[in-house]
Protein backbone atom coordinates (compact mmCIF):
# COMPACT_ATOMS: atom_id res chain seq x y z
CA MET A 1 -39.04 -71.96 -36.70
CA LEU A 2 -36.39 -69.37 -35.47
CA SER A 3 -33.10 -70.60 -34.52
CA THR A 4 -31.39 -69.50 -31.22
CA ARG A 5 -29.20 -67.34 -33.33
CA ASP A 6 -31.86 -65.67 -34.93
CA ILE A 7 -33.44 -64.86 -31.67
CA ARG A 8 -30.23 -63.08 -30.49
CA GLN A 9 -30.13 -60.86 -33.48
CA ALA A 10 -33.58 -59.92 -33.03
CA ALA A 11 -33.05 -59.05 -29.32
CA HIS A 12 -29.78 -57.15 -30.06
CA ARG A 13 -31.67 -55.12 -32.57
CA ARG A 14 -34.46 -54.22 -30.30
CA LEU A 15 -32.25 -53.43 -27.40
CA GLY A 16 -29.37 -51.87 -29.41
CA ASP A 17 -26.03 -53.20 -29.59
CA SER A 18 -24.41 -52.26 -26.33
CA SER A 19 -21.00 -53.50 -27.39
CA GLY A 20 -20.63 -50.43 -29.93
CA GLU A 21 -21.95 -47.71 -27.73
CA ALA A 22 -19.77 -45.26 -25.84
CA GLY A 23 -20.40 -44.68 -22.26
CA TYR A 24 -18.56 -44.16 -18.81
CA GLY A 25 -17.54 -46.75 -16.62
CA LEU A 26 -17.34 -46.74 -12.84
CA VAL A 27 -13.63 -46.39 -12.79
CA GLU A 28 -13.52 -43.47 -15.22
CA LEU A 29 -16.16 -41.69 -13.15
CA MET A 30 -14.29 -42.12 -9.94
CA VAL A 31 -10.87 -40.84 -11.74
CA VAL A 32 -12.96 -37.74 -13.03
CA CYS A 33 -14.49 -37.10 -9.49
CA ALA A 34 -11.11 -37.26 -7.86
CA LEU A 35 -9.42 -34.94 -10.29
CA LEU A 36 -12.34 -32.63 -9.86
CA ILE A 37 -11.93 -32.54 -6.29
CA ILE A 38 -8.19 -31.60 -6.52
CA VAL A 39 -8.80 -28.91 -8.84
CA LEU A 40 -11.56 -27.32 -6.68
CA GLY A 41 -9.47 -27.77 -3.74
CA ALA A 42 -6.68 -25.72 -5.31
CA ILE A 43 -9.07 -22.92 -6.51
CA LEU A 44 -10.45 -22.83 -2.99
CA ALA A 45 -7.00 -22.54 -1.22
CA LEU A 46 -6.18 -19.81 -3.82
CA GLY A 47 -9.29 -17.94 -3.00
CA GLU A 48 -8.69 -18.35 0.84
CA THR A 49 -5.01 -17.10 0.43
CA THR A 50 -6.13 -13.99 -1.57
CA GLN A 51 -8.85 -13.23 1.20
CA ARG A 52 -6.39 -13.38 3.86
CA ILE A 53 -3.78 -11.21 2.07
CA ALA A 54 -6.11 -8.59 0.65
CA PRO A 55 -6.60 -6.47 3.84
CA LYS A 56 -2.74 -6.28 4.37
CA GLU A 57 -2.06 -5.24 0.84
CA SER A 58 -4.91 -2.63 1.03
CA GLU A 59 -3.57 -1.38 4.49
CA ARG A 60 0.04 -1.15 2.69
CA ALA A 61 -1.18 0.82 -0.16
CA HIS A 62 -3.05 2.97 2.12
CA VAL A 63 -0.01 3.83 4.12
CA ILE A 64 2.28 4.40 1.25
CA ARG A 65 -0.22 6.72 -0.33
CA GLU A 66 -0.97 8.89 2.61
CA ALA A 67 3.10 9.16 3.38
CA GLN A 68 3.61 9.99 -0.30
CA VAL A 69 0.88 12.87 -0.30
CA GLY A 70 2.17 14.26 2.95
CA LEU A 71 5.83 14.27 1.77
CA HIS A 72 4.81 15.80 -1.44
CA ARG A 73 2.82 18.40 0.48
CA MET A 74 5.86 19.22 2.73
CA THR A 75 8.24 19.52 -0.28
CA ARG A 76 5.91 21.42 -2.54
CA GLU A 77 5.41 24.18 0.07
CA LEU A 78 9.18 24.21 1.13
CA ARG A 79 10.09 24.88 -2.72
CA HIS A 80 8.27 28.26 -2.52
CA ALA A 81 10.74 29.39 0.44
CA ASN A 82 12.30 32.78 -0.32
CA ALA A 83 14.87 32.36 2.53
CA ALA A 84 17.30 29.60 3.41
CA PRO A 85 15.42 27.25 5.73
CA THR A 86 16.31 26.66 9.36
CA LEU A 87 16.86 22.98 10.30
CA THR A 88 16.86 21.99 13.81
CA GLY A 89 18.39 18.66 14.58
CA GLY A 90 17.14 16.82 11.40
CA SER A 91 13.52 16.59 12.74
CA THR A 92 12.50 20.09 12.25
CA ILE A 93 12.51 22.60 9.32
CA GLN A 94 11.24 26.12 9.31
CA ALA A 95 11.11 28.44 6.47
CA THR A 96 9.35 31.40 5.20
CA VAL A 97 7.55 30.67 2.11
CA LEU A 98 5.50 32.73 -0.57
CA ALA A 99 1.75 32.35 -0.16
CA PRO A 100 -0.57 32.71 -2.72
CA GLY A 101 -1.24 36.49 -3.62
CA GLY A 102 2.51 37.32 -3.05
CA ALA A 103 2.47 37.32 0.91
CA THR A 104 4.80 35.49 2.90
CA ARG A 105 4.20 33.17 5.90
CA THR A 106 6.45 31.05 8.12
CA VAL A 107 5.73 27.28 8.23
CA ARG A 108 7.47 24.72 10.52
CA TYR A 109 7.46 20.97 9.87
CA ASP A 110 8.05 19.01 12.83
CA CYS A 111 8.71 15.45 12.47
CA ASP A 112 9.44 14.04 16.00
CA GLU A 113 5.98 14.86 17.71
CA ALA A 114 4.89 11.69 19.71
CA HIS A 115 2.12 9.69 18.23
CA PRO A 116 -0.81 9.40 20.43
CA SER A 117 -1.45 5.80 20.30
CA ASP A 118 1.79 3.99 19.58
CA THR A 119 5.07 4.91 21.11
CA ALA A 120 7.27 3.29 18.17
CA TYR A 121 5.95 6.01 15.97
CA THR A 122 6.17 9.75 15.62
CA ARG A 123 4.28 12.18 13.49
CA CYS A 124 4.92 15.14 11.04
CA LEU A 125 2.98 18.20 11.95
CA ARG A 126 2.59 21.37 10.08
CA HIS A 127 2.53 24.69 12.21
CA VAL A 128 2.06 28.33 10.80
CA LEU A 129 3.54 31.21 12.67
CA SER A 130 0.71 33.64 13.40
CA GLY A 131 2.20 36.82 15.16
CA THR A 132 4.50 35.32 17.80
CA THR A 133 2.63 31.90 18.16
CA TRP A 134 2.55 28.69 16.26
CA THR A 135 -0.80 27.52 15.19
CA GLY A 136 -2.02 24.55 13.56
CA GLY A 137 -0.49 21.13 14.28
CA GLU A 138 -1.96 19.58 11.37
CA VAL A 139 -0.77 15.96 10.86
CA VAL A 140 1.02 15.73 7.40
CA ILE A 141 2.56 12.19 7.80
CA ASP A 142 1.45 9.75 10.51
CA ARG A 143 3.39 6.68 11.71
CA VAL A 144 6.98 8.14 10.94
CA LEU A 145 9.70 5.70 12.18
CA ASN A 146 12.82 7.95 11.51
CA GLY A 147 11.34 11.08 13.00
CA ALA A 148 14.72 12.46 14.44
CA THR A 149 16.25 12.21 10.97
CA VAL A 150 13.90 13.36 8.38
CA PHE A 151 15.43 16.61 6.99
CA SER A 152 19.13 17.22 5.96
CA LEU A 153 20.46 20.57 4.53
CA THR A 154 23.23 20.84 1.77
CA PRO A 155 24.04 24.51 2.01
CA PRO A 156 23.02 26.76 0.38
CA ASP A 157 19.81 25.69 -1.35
CA TYR A 158 19.22 21.94 -1.25
CA VAL A 159 17.00 20.11 1.43
CA ALA A 160 16.69 16.30 1.55
CA ALA A 161 13.56 14.68 2.80
CA THR A 162 13.56 11.09 3.76
CA VAL A 163 10.67 9.51 5.60
CA GLU A 164 10.27 5.81 6.71
CA VAL A 165 6.93 4.44 7.60
CA ALA A 166 5.78 0.95 8.71
CA ALA A 167 3.91 -0.90 5.94
CA ARG A 168 1.30 -2.24 8.26
CA GLY A 169 -0.53 1.10 9.55
CA SER A 170 -3.13 -0.01 12.20
CA LEU A 171 -3.53 -3.63 11.43
CA LYS A 172 -1.77 -5.48 14.22
CA ASP A 173 -1.12 -8.60 11.88
CA GLY A 174 0.11 -6.50 8.78
CA TYR A 175 3.43 -6.44 7.08
CA ASP A 176 6.72 -5.83 9.36
CA HIS A 177 8.71 -4.28 6.77
CA ARG A 178 9.47 -0.44 6.15
CA VAL A 179 8.85 1.77 3.25
CA ILE A 180 11.41 4.67 2.63
CA LEU A 181 10.17 7.56 0.63
CA GLU A 182 12.63 10.30 -0.43
CA ASP A 183 12.45 13.67 -1.91
CA GLY A 184 14.75 16.51 -2.61
CA ILE A 185 14.05 20.19 -2.53
CA TYR A 186 15.97 22.67 -4.62
CA MET A 187 15.20 26.22 -3.07
CA ARG A 188 15.08 28.25 -6.43
CA ASN A 189 13.16 31.25 -4.74
CA LEU A 190 15.96 32.24 -2.25
CA SER A 191 16.51 35.97 -2.23
CA GLY A 192 19.97 37.28 -1.95
């Protein structure tokens, strides 16, 4: 006959000895779930912040890139001046420049033109003298904040250009700070 002890040992062998097996208890599962919720919440919060800031950063980069390209275009053309430029009040500069092929043309950059949609800004426009009339009016830099003081002349041959633009572009909830771009033009082609 089997004793009670023998029956217990046989039952443990058939069912397996649960005292030696590793497993998760309810408390451990609850702690892991709580930690998982905290980590996922932090990741989602970071994603939401990134998604909210991304349009502002993209607009800021676009505004700066446009202003840099416009300022570079102005200074590159003015470097080819063959006579001292004429400066009018810090917002307009006019110079006769060498065009490709050896011809000359007179260009004017006017940075206090009113912006069509926002009165806080001005624009820098490029005009070309054709006969006795100015043609063009092409926008070189949009949304200028310091339109009255873009150019300064240090006689006889140095022109400084400083352009201040808003970092927000057309976004209403964009950044409020300003971006200042500066360049200097040494007029090395002056005749005389």
